[in-house]
Protein backbone atom coordinates (compact mmCIF):
# COMPACT_ATOMS: atom_id res chain seq x y z
CA MET A 1 18.72 10.77 -26.13
CA THR A 2 14.88 10.20 -25.39
CA ALA A 3 13.04 13.27 -24.28
CA ALA A 4 10.02 13.20 -21.97
CA ALA A 5 6.80 14.98 -23.38
CA PRO A 6 4.16 16.12 -21.18
CA THR A 7 0.99 14.15 -21.40
CA PRO A 8 -2.63 14.74 -20.20
CA PRO A 9 -3.33 12.02 -17.69
CA ASP A 10 -6.21 10.70 -19.47
CA LEU A 11 -4.26 9.99 -22.60
CA ILE A 12 -1.31 8.24 -20.80
CA LEU A 13 -3.68 5.53 -19.44
CA PRO A 14 -3.00 3.04 -22.41
CA ALA A 15 0.79 3.48 -22.08
CA LEU A 16 0.63 2.92 -18.31
CA ALA A 17 -1.61 0.03 -18.55
CA ASP A 18 0.79 -1.58 -21.21
CA LEU A 19 3.70 -1.17 -18.69
CA LEU A 20 1.77 -2.40 -15.65
CA GLY A 21 0.27 -5.36 -17.44
CA CYS A 22 -3.33 -4.47 -16.95
CA GLY A 23 -6.10 -2.89 -19.25
CA ALA A 24 -6.62 0.91 -19.56
CA GLY A 25 -10.09 0.54 -18.12
CA ASP A 26 -8.55 -0.86 -14.92
CA LEU A 27 -6.76 2.36 -14.42
CA ARG A 28 -9.56 4.82 -15.17
CA PRO A 29 -10.86 4.87 -11.56
CA LEU A 30 -7.28 6.38 -10.67
CA LEU A 31 -7.78 9.27 -13.01
CA PRO A 32 -9.18 11.80 -10.56
CA GLN A 33 -5.97 11.11 -8.58
CA LEU A 34 -3.51 11.61 -11.25
CA ILE A 35 -1.84 15.24 -11.39
CA ALA A 36 0.53 15.14 -14.25
CA ALA A 37 2.12 12.66 -16.55
CA TRP A 38 4.98 12.34 -19.06
CA THR A 39 5.76 9.98 -21.88
CA ALA A 40 9.01 9.00 -23.43
CA GLU A 41 8.93 10.14 -26.97
CA ASP A 42 10.20 6.85 -28.35
CA GLY A 43 7.52 4.90 -26.59
CA SER A 44 10.18 3.49 -24.13
CA GLY A 45 8.40 4.49 -20.92
CA ALA A 46 5.70 6.68 -19.25
CA ILE A 47 4.89 7.86 -15.80
CA ALA A 48 2.09 9.73 -14.06
CA LEU A 49 1.97 11.34 -10.47
CA ARG A 50 -0.75 10.20 -8.16
CA ARG A 51 -1.97 11.87 -5.10
CA THR A 52 -1.67 9.98 -1.97
CA PRO A 53 -2.92 10.60 1.72
CA ARG A 54 0.34 12.24 2.49
CA ALA A 55 2.17 15.34 1.13
CA ASP A 56 4.13 13.09 -1.51
CA LEU A 57 2.85 12.17 -5.03
CA GLU A 58 3.46 8.68 -5.98
CA VAL A 59 5.21 7.91 -9.35
CA LEU A 60 3.27 5.29 -11.29
CA GLY A 61 4.78 3.63 -14.48
CA GLY A 62 8.49 3.74 -15.44
CA ALA A 63 10.80 2.60 -18.21
CA ARG A 64 10.74 -0.74 -20.16
CA PRO A 65 13.34 -3.28 -19.35
CA GLY A 66 16.43 -3.19 -21.49
CA PRO A 67 19.81 -1.61 -21.86
CA ARG A 68 18.39 1.89 -21.83
CA GLN A 69 16.12 1.49 -18.97
CA THR A 70 17.92 3.41 -16.46
CA GLN A 71 18.55 6.37 -18.74
CA VAL A 72 14.93 6.38 -19.78
CA ALA A 73 13.87 6.23 -16.22
CA LEU A 74 16.25 9.15 -15.20
CA THR A 75 14.63 11.27 -18.15
CA LEU A 76 11.27 10.64 -16.99
CA LEU A 77 11.89 11.17 -13.17
CA ARG A 78 13.86 14.44 -13.88
CA ALA A 79 10.76 15.74 -15.83
CA ALA A 80 8.51 14.69 -12.96
CA MET A 81 10.75 16.44 -10.35
CA THR A 82 10.13 19.79 -12.04
CA SER A 83 6.63 19.60 -10.46
CA GLY A 84 8.61 20.81 -7.16
CA ALA A 85 6.44 18.14 -5.05
CA THR A 86 7.84 15.60 -3.00
CA LEU A 87 7.71 12.43 -4.88
CA SER A 88 7.63 8.69 -3.81
CA ALA A 89 8.45 5.54 -5.96
CA TYR A 90 8.85 1.92 -5.66
CA ALA A 91 12.35 0.78 -6.62
CA ASP A 92 11.15 -1.96 -8.71
CA ASP A 93 13.75 -3.18 -11.15
CA ALA A 94 11.16 -4.01 -13.77
CA LEU A 95 9.97 -0.27 -13.92
CA LEU A 96 12.09 2.07 -11.79
CA PRO A 97 15.44 0.53 -11.01
CA GLY A 98 16.80 1.58 -7.65
CA GLU A 99 20.12 2.72 -9.39
CA ALA A 100 18.18 5.53 -11.13
CA LEU A 101 16.49 6.74 -8.02
CA ARG A 102 19.80 6.87 -6.13
CA ARG A 103 21.58 8.70 -8.85
CA LEU A 104 18.95 11.33 -8.45
CA GLY A 105 19.58 11.63 -4.68
CA TRP A 106 16.41 9.84 -3.61
CA ARG A 107 16.61 8.04 -0.36
CA GLN A 108 14.96 4.99 0.84
CA ALA A 109 12.24 5.81 3.44
CA GLY A 110 10.06 2.67 3.65
CA GLN A 111 9.41 -0.50 1.84
CA PHE A 112 6.63 -3.11 0.67
CA THR A 113 6.91 -6.38 2.40
CA ASP A 114 4.95 -9.58 1.22
CA TRP A 115 5.15 -11.75 4.34
CA ARG A 116 4.23 -15.35 4.22
CA GLY A 117 4.09 -18.39 6.56
CA PRO A 118 1.97 -20.31 8.81
CA LEU A 119 -1.01 -18.47 10.50
CA PRO A 120 0.61 -17.56 13.81
CA THR A 121 -0.93 -17.98 17.24
CA LEU A 122 -0.51 -14.74 19.23
CA ASP A 123 -0.75 -13.75 22.85
CA ALA A 124 -1.65 -10.12 22.31
CA PRO A 125 -4.25 -8.66 24.81
CA VAL A 126 -6.57 -6.00 23.73
CA PRO A 127 -5.37 -2.60 25.26
CA GLU A 128 -7.61 -1.10 27.98
CA GLY A 129 -10.06 1.50 26.57
CA VAL A 130 -10.50 -0.17 23.14
CA ARG A 131 -12.82 -2.80 21.81
CA ILE A 132 -12.02 -4.98 18.75
CA LEU A 133 -15.15 -5.97 16.61
CA PRO A 134 -15.73 -7.87 13.36
CA LEU A 135 -15.81 -5.42 10.55
CA ALA A 136 -19.24 -6.88 9.71
CA ALA A 137 -20.57 -5.12 12.96
CA ALA A 138 -19.19 -1.85 11.83
CA GLU A 139 -21.86 -0.61 9.48
CA ASP A 140 -21.18 3.09 10.06
CA LEU A 141 -19.01 4.31 7.14
CA THR A 142 -17.61 6.99 9.41
CA VAL A 143 -16.15 4.49 11.74
CA ARG A 144 -14.56 2.60 8.77
CA ARG A 145 -13.30 5.70 7.34
CA GLU A 146 -11.72 6.76 10.63
CA ALA A 147 -10.12 3.23 10.95
CA GLN A 148 -8.84 3.25 7.37
CA ALA A 149 -7.31 6.65 8.07
CA THR A 150 -4.93 5.18 10.54
CA TYR A 151 -2.71 4.22 7.50
CA ALA A 152 -2.71 7.98 6.23
CA ASP A 153 0.72 8.84 7.41
CA ARG A 154 2.32 5.53 6.13
CA LEU A 155 4.44 5.62 3.16
CA GLY A 156 3.05 3.64 0.07
CA HIS A 157 -0.60 3.81 1.10
CA THR A 158 -3.21 5.14 -1.38
CA LEU A 159 -6.33 7.33 -1.07
CA VAL A 160 -9.56 5.58 -0.04
CA GLY A 161 -12.97 6.38 -1.29
CA ASP A 162 -16.36 5.32 0.04
CA THR A 163 -16.46 2.37 -2.55
CA ASP A 164 -13.41 1.07 -0.93
CA LEU A 165 -15.02 1.15 2.60
CA ILE A 166 -18.46 -0.70 1.95
CA PRO A 167 -18.81 -4.02 3.49
CA GLY A 168 -17.15 -6.69 1.16
CA ALA A 169 -15.25 -4.13 -0.83
CA HIS A 170 -12.85 -5.71 -3.22
CA GLY A 171 -13.94 -9.12 -2.14
CA SER A 172 -13.00 -8.69 1.46
CA ASP A 173 -14.51 -10.84 4.14
CA ASP A 174 -15.90 -8.60 6.92
CA THR A 175 -16.66 -11.61 9.20
CA VAL A 176 -13.07 -12.22 9.34
CA GLY A 177 -11.64 -8.76 9.32
CA HIS A 178 -11.65 -6.63 12.36
CA VAL A 179 -11.87 -3.01 13.50
CA ALA A 180 -10.91 -1.24 16.84
CA VAL A 181 -12.92 1.43 18.34
CA ASP A 182 -11.93 3.57 21.38
CA ALA A 183 -14.17 4.66 24.26
CA SER A 184 -15.56 7.43 22.23
CA GLY A 185 -16.63 5.13 19.31
CA GLN A 186 -13.83 6.40 16.94
CA GLY A 187 -12.23 3.94 14.62
CA VAL A 188 -8.67 3.63 15.79
CA GLY A 189 -7.52 0.35 14.03
CA ILE A 190 -8.32 -2.03 11.25
CA CYS A 191 -7.21 -5.27 9.59
CA ARG A 192 -9.01 -6.13 6.36
CA ALA A 193 -9.09 -9.82 5.40
CA TRP A 194 -9.52 -12.07 2.36
CA LEU A 195 -10.00 -15.87 2.81
CA ASP A 196 -9.29 -18.20 0.03
CA GLY A 197 -9.31 -21.90 1.12
CA ASP A 198 -6.79 -22.32 3.89
CA THR A 199 -5.03 -19.09 3.16
CA LEU A 200 -5.80 -15.77 5.01
CA THR A 201 -4.64 -12.58 3.15
CA ILE A 202 -4.41 -9.43 5.03
CA GLY A 203 -2.99 -5.83 4.90
CA SER A 204 -0.64 -5.16 7.78
CA PRO A 205 -2.97 -3.74 10.62
CA GLY A 206 -3.52 -0.21 10.71
CA VAL A 207 -3.37 1.70 14.13
CA HIS A 208 -3.96 5.16 15.18
CA PRO A 209 -0.57 6.94 16.04
CA ALA A 210 -1.92 7.34 19.67
CA TRP A 211 -2.16 3.58 20.05
CA ARG A 212 0.89 2.44 18.32
CA HIS A 213 2.92 2.07 21.54
CA THR A 214 0.37 -0.60 22.67
CA THR A 215 -0.38 -4.17 21.71
CA LEU A 216 -3.38 -3.06 19.58
CA ARG A 217 -1.63 -3.89 16.07
CA HIS A 218 -0.96 -7.62 17.09
CA ALA A 219 -4.40 -7.76 18.97
CA LEU A 220 -6.05 -6.93 15.61
CA LEU A 221 -3.97 -9.68 13.87
CA ARG A 222 -4.89 -12.05 16.61
CA ALA A 223 -8.63 -11.39 16.33
CA THR A 224 -8.46 -11.69 12.49
CA GLY A 225 -6.30 -14.73 12.57
CA ASP A 226 -8.43 -16.60 15.08
CA ALA A 227 -11.58 -16.08 12.98
CA ALA A 228 -9.82 -17.20 9.89
CA ARG A 229 -8.58 -20.27 11.78
CA GLN A 230 -12.14 -21.20 12.89
CA ARG A 231 -12.86 -21.09 9.06
CA GLY A 232 -10.05 -23.51 8.29
CA ALA A 233 -7.27 -21.25 7.61
CA ARG A 234 -3.63 -22.49 8.09
CA HIS A 235 -1.40 -20.05 6.04
CA LEU A 236 -0.99 -16.21 6.26
CA ILE A 237 0.04 -13.81 3.46
CA MET A 238 0.44 -10.21 5.06
CA GLN A 239 1.14 -7.38 2.85
CA ALA A 240 2.76 -4.50 4.71
CA TRP A 241 3.50 -0.97 3.49
CA GLY A 242 5.47 1.62 5.38
CA ASP A 243 5.87 -0.33 8.73
CA THR A 244 8.50 1.06 11.04
CA PRO A 245 11.71 -1.18 11.58
CA ALA A 246 10.40 -2.30 14.87
CA GLU A 247 7.18 -3.43 13.35
CA THR A 248 8.88 -5.23 10.46
CA GLN A 249 11.18 -7.02 13.28
CA ALA A 250 7.96 -7.93 15.19
CA ASP A 251 6.39 -9.57 12.05
CA ALA A 252 9.55 -11.38 11.34
CA GLU A 253 9.48 -12.73 14.95
CA LEU A 254 5.96 -14.27 14.14
CA GLY A 255 7.63 -16.94 12.10
CA LEU A 256 6.97 -15.25 8.84
CA THR A 257 9.21 -15.08 5.80
CA ALA A 258 9.59 -11.85 3.59
CA ALA A 259 8.80 -13.22 0.18
CA THR A 260 9.17 -10.02 -1.55
CA VAL A 261 10.66 -6.89 -0.35
CA THR A 262 10.46 -3.59 -2.43
CA PRO A 263 12.08 -0.48 -1.28
CA ILE A 264 10.04 2.79 -1.36
CA HIS A 265 12.16 5.95 -2.07
CA LEU A 266 11.37 9.64 -1.40
CA SER A 267 12.88 12.50 -3.75
CA ARG A 268 13.56 14.48 -0.61
C-alpha cells in the first residue's frame, strides 16, 4: 500500500507540473497560495492544498491513471483531510476520480461547465441603478477588484491579485469585456473577454449577490456579445464555475451546448 508523505509546497511543484502537463515554472506564481502538500511515496501521485476566496481549500493534483489510481487518490485525500479544513476538488477522472471522492463522503456542490455555441442575441435590459461600461473605461483597480470579487462566494474560483486585474491581463480584450457599476461607483459585475477570430471566449459573468435576482448577468453577457459581434465574432465559448442550477438552466436556454461538465465536490 502506498503511503502519502508530507512535502514542502515548493518541492512538490515538479511532481504537480508533471501531473498537470505543464512546467514547474508555470505553477511557481501559485506558491504563496499553497498551504500544504503530500506525495505518494512510489511517485504515483501528488496533491497540494490551495487557498481560495472562500473558506475551502482547493485540492490540486491527484493520482496517475491506472489500476491503482483510486486507491492512491484515497490515500492522498485522507492525508489532506487531516488538515481539518473544508476541501474542494474537481472530480476529474484523469486525476481525482469521482468514485474516490464519494467513498470518502464528499458531496457534489457545484460544477465547471464549458458552454459552446453560436453567439446568442439577448433581450436583457440593464437594471435601473446600474451602468454597464467597457472594461477599458474602468481604469481604477479598486472598481475592477470590487467587480472581480463578485465571484468570491462561488465554488471553483481562485484568488485574484493586482496582476490579474490590470488592463489586458492574460490577453483579455478590455474593449470587448464589460463591467457594471452601481450608483455609488462600486463594481457590481464583470464579464472578461478574449477574442480569437470569430470566437468570443468569456468567463460566466460575475454579479454581486445583491443584484443576482435581476437581469444584470445577461445584460453583461449581452453587452460583451454585442461588442464582440461588431468585431466579427459569431461563436461563443463560456466557461462557468459554481453557477446555480437556475443560472445553468438559463445558459442552456441560450442555445449553448455543455461540451464539458466537471463536478466539484466538497469534503463537508
